């Protein structure tokens, strides 16, 4: 006879209450990324910024510092970064599509933003959360310069390079292919490994993998 599973309603309720309290007591973005510009220390964590970044931090602005002073919080506008302008000749920018403002901040200059990234002239098809929005090197592309800023001559992609497999792995692949085709291993062309990564290992990639595992019920 199958033993009935005991219902633990009080334990489940206590677990939900603890999870709700942890979520409620989670620090806001304005608390996590607050900065004392005199000591260059974050009050929440007590960590001090690197010395080489102090001059840029005092002179530059964060993304939400620009968004807070704009109509509709800059939705539809183009933003780039100083490091991109210095490192790349191709246009690199974010087109803001959605903004979630932290209204607990004094000047509403904290929060999260989403947009479509164009990096080195290649525009992504999906919307992503803007990375490193708290960095102090953001630039607003003026409205009258957007078309000229987006102009780019596409650079042809270099051909994919191929290398040989390691000896043991090469022998295993040849043996498997010879078994499937029913021919000798010497009649099969040499396998080669392309030096190209098709998956972009970004924060969104790992988040999607975690959500996929949660839906499948496998441990993360």
N, C-alpha and C. Protein backbone atom coordinates (compact mmCIF):
# COMPACT_ATOMS: atom_id res chain seq x y z
N UNK A 1 0.85 -1.19 0.00
CA UNK A 1 0.00 0.00 0.00
C UNK A 1 0.89 1.24 0.00
N UNK A 2 0.57 2.18 -0.88
CA UNK A 2 1.37 3.39 -1.02
C UNK A 2 1.07 4.33 0.13
N UNK A 3 2.14 4.79 0.76
CA UNK A 3 1.98 5.72 1.86
C UNK A 3 1.68 7.11 1.34
N UNK A 4 0.66 7.73 1.93
CA UNK A 4 0.27 9.06 1.48
C UNK A 4 1.34 10.08 1.88
N UNK A 5 1.53 11.02 0.98
CA UNK A 5 2.50 12.07 1.24
C UNK A 5 1.93 13.06 2.23
N UNK A 6 2.71 13.36 3.27
CA UNK A 6 2.22 14.26 4.31
C UNK A 6 2.30 15.71 3.82
N UNK A 7 1.20 16.42 3.98
CA UNK A 7 1.16 17.81 3.58
C UNK A 7 1.79 18.68 4.66
N UNK A 8 2.72 19.53 4.25
CA UNK A 8 3.40 20.42 5.20
C UNK A 8 3.06 21.85 4.83
N UNK A 9 1.82 22.22 5.12
CA UNK A 9 1.32 23.54 4.72
C UNK A 9 2.03 24.66 5.48
N UNK A 10 2.26 24.46 6.76
CA UNK A 10 2.90 25.51 7.56
C UNK A 10 4.34 25.71 7.12
N UNK A 11 5.05 24.60 6.83
CA UNK A 11 6.44 24.72 6.37
C UNK A 11 6.51 25.41 5.01
N UNK A 12 5.58 25.08 4.12
CA UNK A 12 5.56 25.74 2.82
C UNK A 12 5.26 27.23 2.96
N UNK A 13 4.33 27.55 3.85
CA UNK A 13 4.00 28.96 4.06
C UNK A 13 5.19 29.71 4.65
N UNK A 14 5.91 29.08 5.59
CA UNK A 14 7.08 29.73 6.18
C UNK A 14 8.18 29.94 5.14
N UNK A 15 8.35 28.97 4.24
CA UNK A 15 9.35 29.13 3.18
C UNK A 15 8.99 30.28 2.25
N UNK A 16 7.71 30.41 1.90
CA UNK A 16 7.29 31.51 1.04
C UNK A 16 7.46 32.86 1.73
N UNK A 17 7.19 32.89 3.05
CA UNK A 17 7.35 34.15 3.79
C UNK A 17 8.82 34.55 3.84
N UNK A 18 9.71 33.58 4.06
CA UNK A 18 11.15 33.90 4.08
C UNK A 18 11.61 34.40 2.71
N UNK A 19 11.14 33.74 1.64
CA UNK A 19 11.52 34.20 0.30
C UNK A 19 10.99 35.60 0.02
N UNK A 20 9.78 35.89 0.50
CA UNK A 20 9.20 37.23 0.28
C UNK A 20 9.98 38.29 1.06
N UNK A 21 10.39 37.96 2.29
CA UNK A 21 11.14 38.92 3.09
C UNK A 21 12.52 39.18 2.47
N UNK A 22 13.15 38.13 1.96
CA UNK A 22 14.44 38.32 1.30
C UNK A 22 14.30 39.20 0.06
N UNK A 23 13.21 38.99 -0.68
CA UNK A 23 12.98 39.81 -1.87
C UNK A 23 12.68 41.25 -1.49
N UNK A 24 11.93 41.44 -0.42
CA UNK A 24 11.55 42.78 0.01
C UNK A 24 12.75 43.54 0.57
N UNK A 25 13.63 42.84 1.28
CA UNK A 25 14.79 43.48 1.89
C UNK A 25 15.98 43.58 0.94
N UNK A 26 15.80 43.15 -0.30
CA UNK A 26 16.88 43.24 -1.27
C UNK A 26 17.21 44.70 -1.54
N UNK A 27 18.48 45.08 -1.55
CA UNK A 27 18.82 46.50 -1.77
C UNK A 27 18.46 46.96 -3.18
N UNK A 28 18.05 48.22 -3.27
CA UNK A 28 17.74 48.82 -4.57
C UNK A 28 19.04 49.18 -5.30
N UNK A 29 18.87 49.48 -6.59
CA UNK A 29 20.04 49.87 -7.38
C UNK A 29 20.68 51.14 -6.84
N UNK A 30 19.85 52.05 -6.34
CA UNK A 30 20.40 53.30 -5.80
C UNK A 30 21.24 53.04 -4.55
N UNK A 31 20.93 51.98 -3.80
CA UNK A 31 21.74 51.64 -2.64
C UNK A 31 23.00 50.87 -3.04
N UNK A 32 22.86 49.96 -3.99
CA UNK A 32 24.01 49.13 -4.40
C UNK A 32 25.08 49.96 -5.09
N UNK A 33 24.67 50.89 -5.97
CA UNK A 33 25.62 51.61 -6.79
C UNK A 33 25.82 53.06 -6.34
N UNK A 34 25.36 53.39 -5.14
CA UNK A 34 25.62 54.73 -4.62
C UNK A 34 27.13 54.93 -4.43
N UNK A 35 27.58 56.15 -4.65
CA UNK A 35 29.02 56.42 -4.62
C UNK A 35 29.29 57.74 -3.91
N UNK A 36 30.23 57.71 -2.99
CA UNK A 36 30.71 58.91 -2.32
C UNK A 36 31.86 59.47 -3.16
N UNK A 37 31.63 60.58 -3.85
CA UNK A 37 32.61 61.11 -4.79
C UNK A 37 33.82 61.73 -4.10
N UNK A 38 33.74 61.97 -2.80
CA UNK A 38 34.89 62.51 -2.09
C UNK A 38 35.89 61.41 -1.76
N UNK A 39 35.40 60.28 -1.29
CA UNK A 39 36.30 59.17 -0.94
C UNK A 39 36.34 58.10 -2.02
N UNK A 40 35.49 58.19 -3.06
CA UNK A 40 35.41 57.21 -4.13
C UNK A 40 35.13 55.80 -3.58
N UNK A 41 34.21 55.74 -2.62
CA UNK A 41 33.85 54.48 -1.98
C UNK A 41 32.35 54.30 -2.08
N UNK A 42 31.94 53.05 -2.31
CA UNK A 42 30.51 52.72 -2.32
C UNK A 42 30.07 52.46 -0.89
N UNK A 43 29.14 53.26 -0.34
CA UNK A 43 28.74 53.08 1.07
C UNK A 43 28.12 51.72 1.35
N UNK A 44 27.45 51.12 0.40
CA UNK A 44 26.76 49.85 0.66
C UNK A 44 27.75 48.71 0.88
N UNK A 45 28.78 48.63 0.06
CA UNK A 45 29.75 47.54 0.17
C UNK A 45 31.05 47.96 0.84
N UNK A 46 31.32 49.25 0.90
CA UNK A 46 32.58 49.71 1.48
C UNK A 46 33.76 49.58 0.56
N UNK A 47 33.55 49.19 -0.71
CA UNK A 47 34.64 49.02 -1.65
C UNK A 47 34.99 50.34 -2.30
N UNK A 48 36.28 50.53 -2.54
CA UNK A 48 36.78 51.75 -3.17
C UNK A 48 37.06 51.48 -4.65
N UNK A 49 36.73 52.46 -5.49
CA UNK A 49 36.97 52.31 -6.91
C UNK A 49 38.47 52.33 -7.21
N UNK A 50 38.88 51.72 -8.33
CA UNK A 50 40.31 51.77 -8.69
C UNK A 50 40.80 53.22 -8.86
N UNK A 51 42.02 53.45 -8.46
CA UNK A 51 42.57 54.81 -8.47
C UNK A 51 42.60 55.38 -9.89
N UNK A 52 42.88 54.56 -10.88
CA UNK A 52 42.99 55.05 -12.25
C UNK A 52 41.65 55.51 -12.80
N UNK A 53 40.54 55.13 -12.18
CA UNK A 53 39.22 55.52 -12.68
C UNK A 53 38.67 56.77 -12.00
N UNK A 54 39.35 57.29 -10.99
CA UNK A 54 38.81 58.43 -10.24
C UNK A 54 38.60 59.65 -11.11
N UNK A 55 39.56 59.97 -11.95
CA UNK A 55 39.45 61.18 -12.78
C UNK A 55 38.27 61.07 -13.75
N UNK A 56 38.10 59.89 -14.38
CA UNK A 56 36.99 59.71 -15.30
C UNK A 56 35.65 59.71 -14.58
N UNK A 57 35.61 59.13 -13.39
CA UNK A 57 34.35 59.07 -12.64
C UNK A 57 33.89 60.46 -12.26
N UNK A 58 34.81 61.33 -11.88
CA UNK A 58 34.43 62.70 -11.50
C UNK A 58 33.99 63.52 -12.72
N UNK A 59 34.49 63.16 -13.90
CA UNK A 59 34.20 63.96 -15.09
C UNK A 59 33.06 63.39 -15.93
N UNK A 60 32.91 62.06 -15.96
CA UNK A 60 31.93 61.42 -16.84
C UNK A 60 30.61 61.19 -16.13
N UNK A 61 29.62 60.69 -16.89
CA UNK A 61 28.28 60.47 -16.36
C UNK A 61 27.85 59.03 -16.63
N UNK A 62 26.92 58.54 -15.79
CA UNK A 62 26.35 57.22 -15.99
C UNK A 62 25.17 57.30 -16.96
N UNK A 63 24.69 56.14 -17.37
CA UNK A 63 23.60 56.10 -18.35
C UNK A 63 22.34 56.74 -17.80
N UNK A 64 21.96 56.39 -16.56
CA UNK A 64 20.69 56.91 -16.02
C UNK A 64 20.80 58.37 -15.62
N UNK A 65 22.01 58.88 -15.46
CA UNK A 65 22.15 60.32 -15.26
C UNK A 65 21.72 61.07 -16.51
N UNK A 66 21.99 60.51 -17.68
CA UNK A 66 21.54 61.10 -18.94
C UNK A 66 20.05 60.84 -19.16
N UNK A 67 19.59 59.63 -18.85
CA UNK A 67 18.19 59.28 -19.11
C UNK A 67 17.23 60.08 -18.23
N UNK A 68 17.65 60.38 -16.98
CA UNK A 68 16.74 61.05 -16.05
C UNK A 68 16.36 62.44 -16.51
N UNK A 69 17.20 63.09 -17.29
CA UNK A 69 16.91 64.44 -17.74
C UNK A 69 16.28 64.52 -19.11
N UNK A 70 15.85 63.38 -19.67
CA UNK A 70 15.31 63.36 -21.02
C UNK A 70 13.83 63.02 -21.02
N UNK A 71 13.18 63.39 -22.09
CA UNK A 71 11.77 63.07 -22.25
C UNK A 71 11.61 61.57 -22.48
N UNK A 72 10.62 60.96 -21.83
CA UNK A 72 10.35 59.52 -21.92
C UNK A 72 11.57 58.70 -21.53
N UNK A 73 12.44 59.28 -20.71
CA UNK A 73 13.65 58.62 -20.24
C UNK A 73 14.49 58.08 -21.39
N UNK A 74 14.50 58.80 -22.49
CA UNK A 74 15.40 58.46 -23.59
C UNK A 74 15.01 57.25 -24.40
N UNK A 75 13.78 56.79 -24.31
CA UNK A 75 13.35 55.64 -25.11
C UNK A 75 13.38 56.01 -26.59
N UNK A 76 14.05 55.20 -27.39
CA UNK A 76 14.19 55.46 -28.82
C UNK A 76 15.46 56.19 -29.20
N UNK A 77 16.23 56.66 -28.22
CA UNK A 77 17.46 57.39 -28.53
C UNK A 77 18.65 56.46 -28.54
N UNK A 78 19.76 56.95 -29.09
CA UNK A 78 20.98 56.17 -29.23
C UNK A 78 22.00 56.62 -28.18
N UNK A 79 22.64 55.64 -27.54
CA UNK A 79 23.67 55.92 -26.54
C UNK A 79 24.89 55.06 -26.84
N UNK A 80 26.05 55.66 -26.69
CA UNK A 80 27.30 54.94 -26.89
C UNK A 80 28.19 55.17 -25.68
N UNK A 81 29.39 54.59 -25.72
CA UNK A 81 30.32 54.70 -24.60
C UNK A 81 31.65 55.26 -25.08
N UNK A 82 32.33 55.95 -24.19
CA UNK A 82 33.61 56.55 -24.53
C UNK A 82 34.62 55.48 -24.94
N UNK A 83 34.64 54.35 -24.24
CA UNK A 83 35.59 53.29 -24.56
C UNK A 83 35.35 52.74 -25.96
N UNK A 84 34.09 52.66 -26.38
CA UNK A 84 33.79 52.19 -27.74
C UNK A 84 34.29 53.18 -28.78
N UNK A 85 34.14 54.46 -28.51
CA UNK A 85 34.60 55.47 -29.46
C UNK A 85 36.11 55.45 -29.61
N UNK A 86 36.81 55.12 -28.54
CA UNK A 86 38.27 55.09 -28.57
C UNK A 86 38.82 53.81 -29.19
N UNK A 87 38.10 52.69 -29.03
CA UNK A 87 38.64 51.39 -29.43
C UNK A 87 38.20 50.95 -30.82
N UNK A 88 37.03 51.38 -31.28
CA UNK A 88 36.48 50.86 -32.53
C UNK A 88 36.16 52.01 -33.48
N UNK A 89 36.43 51.79 -34.74
CA UNK A 89 36.04 52.75 -35.76
C UNK A 89 34.62 52.51 -36.26
N UNK A 90 34.11 51.28 -36.13
CA UNK A 90 32.74 50.98 -36.52
C UNK A 90 31.78 51.50 -35.44
N UNK A 91 30.55 51.84 -35.82
CA UNK A 91 29.61 52.36 -34.82
C UNK A 91 29.19 51.30 -33.81
N UNK A 92 29.23 51.67 -32.54
CA UNK A 92 28.78 50.80 -31.44
C UNK A 92 27.83 51.62 -30.58
N UNK A 93 26.61 51.17 -30.43
CA UNK A 93 25.63 51.96 -29.68
C UNK A 93 24.48 51.06 -29.23
N UNK A 94 23.75 51.58 -28.24
CA UNK A 94 22.50 50.96 -27.78
C UNK A 94 21.33 51.84 -28.21
N UNK A 95 20.27 51.22 -28.69
CA UNK A 95 19.01 51.93 -28.94
C UNK A 95 18.04 51.52 -27.84
N UNK A 96 17.72 52.46 -26.95
CA UNK A 96 16.92 52.17 -25.77
C UNK A 96 15.47 51.89 -26.18
N UNK A 97 14.93 50.77 -25.69
CA UNK A 97 13.55 50.40 -25.99
C UNK A 97 12.66 50.35 -24.75
N UNK A 98 13.26 50.14 -23.57
CA UNK A 98 12.46 50.04 -22.35
C UNK A 98 13.31 50.44 -21.16
N UNK A 99 12.68 51.11 -20.19
CA UNK A 99 13.39 51.61 -19.02
C UNK A 99 12.58 51.28 -17.77
N UNK A 100 13.26 50.80 -16.75
CA UNK A 100 12.65 50.56 -15.44
C UNK A 100 13.41 51.41 -14.43
N UNK A 101 12.79 52.47 -13.95
CA UNK A 101 13.46 53.46 -13.12
C UNK A 101 13.33 53.06 -11.65
N UNK A 102 14.39 53.27 -10.90
CA UNK A 102 14.36 53.10 -9.45
C UNK A 102 13.87 54.41 -8.84
N UNK A 103 12.57 54.47 -8.51
CA UNK A 103 11.98 55.72 -8.02
C UNK A 103 12.38 56.04 -6.59
N UNK A 104 13.06 55.11 -5.91
CA UNK A 104 13.54 55.41 -4.57
C UNK A 104 14.80 56.27 -4.59
N UNK A 105 15.46 56.35 -5.76
CA UNK A 105 16.65 57.20 -5.88
C UNK A 105 16.26 58.67 -5.81
N UNK A 106 17.14 59.48 -5.27
CA UNK A 106 16.83 60.90 -5.05
C UNK A 106 16.56 61.62 -6.37
N UNK A 107 17.39 61.40 -7.37
CA UNK A 107 17.23 62.06 -8.67
C UNK A 107 16.73 61.12 -9.76
N UNK A 108 16.24 59.95 -9.36
CA UNK A 108 15.76 58.94 -10.31
C UNK A 108 16.83 58.62 -11.36
N UNK A 109 18.07 58.55 -10.91
CA UNK A 109 19.18 58.29 -11.82
C UNK A 109 19.74 56.88 -11.66
N UNK A 110 18.89 55.96 -11.21
CA UNK A 110 19.26 54.55 -11.12
C UNK A 110 18.12 53.71 -11.68
N UNK A 111 18.45 52.52 -12.12
CA UNK A 111 17.45 51.61 -12.63
C UNK A 111 18.04 50.64 -13.64
N UNK A 112 17.16 50.06 -14.44
CA UNK A 112 17.56 49.12 -15.48
C UNK A 112 16.98 49.57 -16.81
N UNK A 113 17.72 49.30 -17.87
CA UNK A 113 17.29 49.67 -19.21
C UNK A 113 17.51 48.50 -20.16
N UNK A 114 16.66 48.44 -21.18
CA UNK A 114 16.76 47.41 -22.21
C UNK A 114 16.84 48.09 -23.56
N UNK A 115 17.48 47.41 -24.49
CA UNK A 115 17.61 47.99 -25.82
C UNK A 115 18.19 47.00 -26.80
N UNK A 116 18.41 47.48 -28.01
CA UNK A 116 19.00 46.68 -29.09
C UNK A 116 20.43 47.17 -29.30
N UNK A 117 21.36 46.25 -29.21
CA UNK A 117 22.77 46.58 -29.30
C UNK A 117 23.26 46.46 -30.74
N UNK A 118 23.98 47.47 -31.18
CA UNK A 118 24.70 47.42 -32.45
C UNK A 118 26.18 47.55 -32.12
N UNK A 119 26.92 46.47 -32.32
CA UNK A 119 28.34 46.45 -31.96
C UNK A 119 29.19 46.28 -33.21
N UNK A 120 30.03 47.24 -33.47
CA UNK A 120 30.91 47.27 -34.63
C UNK A 120 30.12 47.11 -35.93
N UNK A 121 29.00 47.82 -35.99
CA UNK A 121 28.19 47.83 -37.20
C UNK A 121 27.22 46.69 -37.35
N UNK A 122 27.21 45.71 -36.45
CA UNK A 122 26.33 44.55 -36.55
C UNK A 122 25.22 44.68 -35.51
N UNK A 123 24.00 44.77 -35.99
CA UNK A 123 22.86 44.95 -35.10
C UNK A 123 22.29 43.60 -34.68
N UNK A 124 22.07 43.44 -33.38
CA UNK A 124 21.46 42.23 -32.88
C UNK A 124 19.95 42.27 -33.10
N UNK A 125 19.35 41.09 -33.22
CA UNK A 125 17.93 41.00 -33.55
C UNK A 125 17.04 41.01 -32.32
N UNK A 126 17.58 40.67 -31.17
CA UNK A 126 16.76 40.57 -29.96
C UNK A 126 17.10 41.70 -28.99
N UNK A 127 16.18 41.95 -28.09
CA UNK A 127 16.33 42.98 -27.08
C UNK A 127 17.04 42.41 -25.86
N UNK A 128 18.01 43.16 -25.32
CA UNK A 128 18.77 42.71 -24.15
C UNK A 128 18.81 43.83 -23.12
N UNK A 129 19.11 43.43 -21.88
CA UNK A 129 19.32 44.42 -20.84
C UNK A 129 20.65 45.12 -21.06
N UNK A 130 20.66 46.42 -20.91
CA UNK A 130 21.88 47.21 -21.13
C UNK A 130 22.88 46.86 -20.05
N UNK A 131 24.05 46.42 -20.48
CA UNK A 131 25.09 46.01 -19.55
C UNK A 131 25.93 47.21 -19.13
N UNK A 132 26.41 47.19 -17.89
CA UNK A 132 27.31 48.22 -17.34
C UNK A 132 26.69 49.61 -17.41
N UNK A 133 25.40 49.69 -17.05
CA UNK A 133 24.71 50.99 -17.08
C UNK A 133 25.23 51.92 -15.99
N UNK A 134 25.88 51.35 -14.94
CA UNK A 134 26.37 52.18 -13.85
C UNK A 134 27.77 52.74 -14.11
N UNK A 135 28.37 52.38 -15.24
CA UNK A 135 29.71 52.88 -15.56
C UNK A 135 29.64 54.37 -15.92
N UNK A 136 30.75 55.07 -15.70
CA UNK A 136 30.79 56.52 -15.91
C UNK A 136 31.44 56.88 -17.24
N UNK A 137 30.94 56.36 -18.34
CA UNK A 137 31.54 56.74 -19.64
C UNK A 137 30.50 56.75 -20.76
N UNK A 138 29.26 57.06 -20.44
CA UNK A 138 28.19 57.02 -21.43
C UNK A 138 28.07 58.35 -22.17
N UNK A 139 27.67 58.25 -23.45
CA UNK A 139 27.50 59.41 -24.31
C UNK A 139 26.15 59.32 -25.01
N UNK A 140 25.48 60.44 -25.12
CA UNK A 140 24.24 60.54 -25.89
C UNK A 140 24.57 60.97 -27.31
N UNK A 141 24.09 60.23 -28.29
CA UNK A 141 24.28 60.61 -29.69
C UNK A 141 23.24 61.67 -30.03
N UNK A 142 23.66 62.88 -30.43
CA UNK A 142 22.68 63.92 -30.76
C UNK A 142 21.71 63.48 -31.85
N UNK A 143 20.51 64.03 -31.78
CA UNK A 143 19.46 63.62 -32.71
C UNK A 143 19.86 63.89 -34.16
N UNK A 144 20.49 65.03 -34.42
CA UNK A 144 20.83 65.39 -35.79
C UNK A 144 22.06 64.64 -36.30
N UNK A 145 22.75 63.89 -35.43
CA UNK A 145 23.93 63.14 -35.85
C UNK A 145 23.70 61.63 -35.87
N UNK A 146 22.48 61.19 -35.59
CA UNK A 146 22.22 59.75 -35.51
C UNK A 146 22.45 59.05 -36.84
N UNK A 147 21.93 59.62 -37.93
CA UNK A 147 22.07 58.97 -39.24
C UNK A 147 23.53 58.87 -39.66
N UNK A 148 24.28 59.95 -39.45
CA UNK A 148 25.70 59.90 -39.81
C UNK A 148 26.47 58.96 -38.89
N UNK A 149 26.05 58.87 -37.64
CA UNK A 149 26.75 57.98 -36.70
C UNK A 149 26.52 56.52 -37.05
N UNK A 150 25.34 56.19 -37.59
CA UNK A 150 25.00 54.80 -37.90
C UNK A 150 25.58 54.32 -39.22
N UNK A 151 26.09 55.25 -40.04
CA UNK A 151 26.66 54.83 -41.32
C UNK A 151 27.91 53.99 -41.09
N UNK A 152 27.98 52.89 -41.82
CA UNK A 152 29.11 51.98 -41.63
C UNK A 152 29.30 51.15 -42.89
N UNK A 153 30.54 51.03 -43.33
CA UNK A 153 30.87 50.13 -44.43
C UNK A 153 31.11 48.74 -43.86
N UNK A 154 30.29 47.77 -44.21
CA UNK A 154 30.45 46.44 -43.61
C UNK A 154 31.81 45.83 -43.94
N UNK A 155 32.47 45.36 -42.92
CA UNK A 155 33.78 44.72 -43.09
C UNK A 155 33.56 43.23 -43.38
N UNK A 156 34.15 42.70 -44.45
CA UNK A 156 33.94 41.26 -44.72
C UNK A 156 34.51 40.41 -43.61
N UNK A 157 33.77 39.37 -43.26
CA UNK A 157 34.22 38.47 -42.21
C UNK A 157 35.36 37.59 -42.72
N UNK A 158 36.35 37.39 -41.90
CA UNK A 158 37.46 36.51 -42.33
C UNK A 158 36.98 35.07 -42.46
N UNK A 159 37.59 34.31 -43.34
CA UNK A 159 37.17 32.91 -43.50
C UNK A 159 37.42 32.11 -42.22
N UNK A 160 36.59 31.10 -42.03
CA UNK A 160 36.71 30.26 -40.84
C UNK A 160 37.95 29.38 -40.96
N UNK A 161 38.76 29.36 -39.93
CA UNK A 161 39.96 28.53 -39.91
C UNK A 161 39.63 27.16 -39.32
N UNK A 162 40.32 26.15 -39.80
CA UNK A 162 40.12 24.79 -39.34
C UNK A 162 41.45 24.23 -38.83
N UNK A 163 41.37 23.43 -37.78
CA UNK A 163 42.54 22.76 -37.23
C UNK A 163 42.22 21.27 -37.07
N UNK A 164 43.25 20.47 -36.92
CA UNK A 164 43.06 19.04 -36.74
C UNK A 164 42.67 18.72 -35.30
N UNK A 165 41.90 17.64 -35.16
CA UNK A 165 41.54 17.17 -33.84
C UNK A 165 42.76 16.55 -33.14
N UNK A 166 42.74 16.48 -31.82
CA UNK A 166 43.79 15.73 -31.11
C UNK A 166 43.81 14.26 -31.57
N UNK A 167 44.95 13.60 -31.48
CA UNK A 167 45.07 12.24 -32.05
C UNK A 167 44.02 11.26 -31.55
N UNK A 168 43.79 11.22 -30.24
CA UNK A 168 42.84 10.25 -29.71
C UNK A 168 41.42 10.56 -30.17
N UNK A 169 41.03 11.84 -30.11
CA UNK A 169 39.69 12.22 -30.54
C UNK A 169 39.53 12.01 -32.05
N UNK A 170 40.60 12.27 -32.81
CA UNK A 170 40.55 12.03 -34.26
C UNK A 170 40.31 10.56 -34.56
N UNK A 171 41.02 9.66 -33.85
CA UNK A 171 40.84 8.23 -34.07
C UNK A 171 39.43 7.78 -33.71
N UNK A 172 38.85 8.34 -32.66
CA UNK A 172 37.49 7.97 -32.25
C UNK A 172 36.47 8.42 -33.31
N UNK A 173 36.65 9.64 -33.84
CA UNK A 173 35.71 10.14 -34.85
C UNK A 173 35.81 9.31 -36.12
N UNK A 174 37.05 9.01 -36.54
CA UNK A 174 37.21 8.19 -37.75
C UNK A 174 36.62 6.80 -37.56
N UNK A 175 36.81 6.20 -36.39
CA UNK A 175 36.26 4.87 -36.15
C UNK A 175 34.73 4.89 -36.16
N UNK A 176 34.14 5.94 -35.57
CA UNK A 176 32.68 6.02 -35.56
C UNK A 176 32.12 6.23 -36.96
N UNK A 177 32.74 7.12 -37.74
CA UNK A 177 32.27 7.35 -39.10
C UNK A 177 32.46 6.10 -39.97
N UNK A 178 33.57 5.38 -39.80
CA UNK A 178 33.81 4.16 -40.57
C UNK A 178 32.78 3.09 -40.23
N UNK A 179 32.39 3.03 -38.96
CA UNK A 179 31.39 2.05 -38.54
C UNK A 179 30.02 2.39 -39.11
N UNK A 180 29.68 3.69 -39.13
CA UNK A 180 28.37 4.09 -39.66
C UNK A 180 28.29 3.90 -41.18
N UNK A 181 29.37 4.22 -41.89
CA UNK A 181 29.37 4.12 -43.35
C UNK A 181 29.73 2.72 -43.84
N UNK A 182 30.33 1.93 -43.00
CA UNK A 182 30.72 0.58 -43.41
C UNK A 182 31.89 0.55 -44.36
N UNK A 183 32.81 1.49 -44.22
CA UNK A 183 33.99 1.54 -45.08
C UNK A 183 35.22 1.59 -44.19
N UNK A 184 36.38 1.52 -44.82
CA UNK A 184 37.62 1.60 -44.07
C UNK A 184 37.88 3.03 -43.61
N UNK A 185 38.59 3.16 -42.49
CA UNK A 185 38.87 4.49 -41.95
C UNK A 185 39.77 5.30 -42.88
N UNK A 186 40.60 4.61 -43.67
CA UNK A 186 41.50 5.32 -44.58
C UNK A 186 40.76 5.99 -45.73
N UNK A 187 39.52 5.54 -46.01
CA UNK A 187 38.75 6.12 -47.11
C UNK A 187 37.94 7.34 -46.71
N UNK A 188 37.95 7.67 -45.43
CA UNK A 188 37.18 8.81 -44.93
C UNK A 188 38.09 10.03 -44.86
N UNK A 189 37.60 11.19 -45.30
CA UNK A 189 38.43 12.40 -45.22
C UNK A 189 38.74 12.77 -43.77
N UNK A 190 39.84 13.46 -43.61
CA UNK A 190 40.29 13.83 -42.27
C UNK A 190 39.30 14.82 -41.63
N UNK A 191 38.85 14.56 -40.39
CA UNK A 191 37.96 15.53 -39.72
C UNK A 191 38.74 16.75 -39.27
N UNK A 192 38.10 17.90 -39.29
CA UNK A 192 38.74 19.15 -38.88
C UNK A 192 37.79 19.92 -37.98
N UNK A 193 38.36 20.70 -37.10
CA UNK A 193 37.61 21.46 -36.11
C UNK A 193 37.60 22.93 -36.48
N UNK A 194 36.41 23.54 -36.71
CA UNK A 194 36.36 24.98 -37.04
C UNK A 194 36.64 25.85 -35.82
N UNK A 195 37.46 26.85 -36.02
CA UNK A 195 37.79 27.79 -34.94
C UNK A 195 36.78 28.94 -34.94
N UNK A 196 35.54 28.60 -34.64
CA UNK A 196 34.49 29.60 -34.63
C UNK A 196 33.51 29.24 -33.54
N UNK A 197 33.15 30.24 -32.72
CA UNK A 197 32.19 30.04 -31.65
C UNK A 197 30.86 30.65 -32.06
N UNK A 198 29.86 29.79 -32.16
CA UNK A 198 28.54 30.25 -32.60
C UNK A 198 27.69 30.79 -31.48
N UNK A 199 28.06 30.53 -30.22
CA UNK A 199 27.27 30.96 -29.07
C UNK A 199 27.98 32.13 -28.42
N UNK A 200 27.25 33.23 -28.21
CA UNK A 200 27.79 34.39 -27.53
C UNK A 200 27.58 34.22 -26.03
N UNK A 201 28.67 34.05 -25.29
CA UNK A 201 28.57 33.79 -23.86
C UNK A 201 28.40 35.11 -23.11
N UNK A 202 27.17 35.61 -23.11
CA UNK A 202 26.84 36.85 -22.42
C UNK A 202 25.99 36.54 -21.20
N UNK A 203 25.62 37.59 -20.47
CA UNK A 203 24.78 37.40 -19.29
C UNK A 203 23.41 36.86 -19.68
N UNK A 204 22.88 37.32 -20.82
CA UNK A 204 21.58 36.84 -21.25
C UNK A 204 21.62 35.36 -21.59
N UNK A 205 22.75 34.89 -22.12
CA UNK A 205 22.87 33.47 -22.46
C UNK A 205 22.78 32.60 -21.21
N UNK A 206 23.51 32.99 -20.16
CA UNK A 206 23.49 32.19 -18.94
C UNK A 206 22.13 32.27 -18.25
N UNK A 207 21.48 33.43 -18.31
CA UNK A 207 20.15 33.54 -17.72
C UNK A 207 19.15 32.65 -18.43
N UNK A 208 19.22 32.61 -19.76
CA UNK A 208 18.31 31.75 -20.52
C UNK A 208 18.58 30.28 -20.22
N UNK A 209 19.87 29.91 -20.02
CA UNK A 209 20.18 28.53 -19.68
C UNK A 209 19.63 28.16 -18.31
N UNK A 210 19.71 29.08 -17.35
CA UNK A 210 19.17 28.81 -16.02
C UNK A 210 17.65 28.67 -16.06
N UNK A 211 16.98 29.54 -16.82
CA UNK A 211 15.53 29.44 -16.93
C UNK A 211 15.12 28.14 -17.61
N UNK A 212 15.89 27.73 -18.61
CA UNK A 212 15.59 26.47 -19.30
C UNK A 212 15.72 25.28 -18.36
N UNK A 213 16.76 25.29 -17.52
CA UNK A 213 16.95 24.20 -16.58
C UNK A 213 15.85 24.19 -15.52
N UNK A 214 15.42 25.37 -15.09
CA UNK A 214 14.34 25.43 -14.11
C UNK A 214 13.05 24.88 -14.69
N UNK A 215 12.77 25.19 -15.95
CA UNK A 215 11.56 24.66 -16.58
C UNK A 215 11.63 23.15 -16.74
N UNK A 216 12.82 22.63 -17.02
CA UNK A 216 12.97 21.19 -17.16
C UNK A 216 13.04 20.46 -15.83
N UNK A 217 13.23 21.21 -14.74
CA UNK A 217 13.28 20.60 -13.42
C UNK A 217 14.62 20.03 -13.04
N UNK A 218 15.67 20.41 -13.79
CA UNK A 218 17.01 19.93 -13.49
C UNK A 218 17.70 20.95 -12.59
N UNK A 219 18.61 20.50 -11.71
CA UNK A 219 19.31 21.44 -10.82
C UNK A 219 20.22 22.35 -11.61
N UNK A 220 20.28 23.63 -11.22
CA UNK A 220 21.12 24.63 -11.88
C UNK A 220 22.55 24.48 -11.41
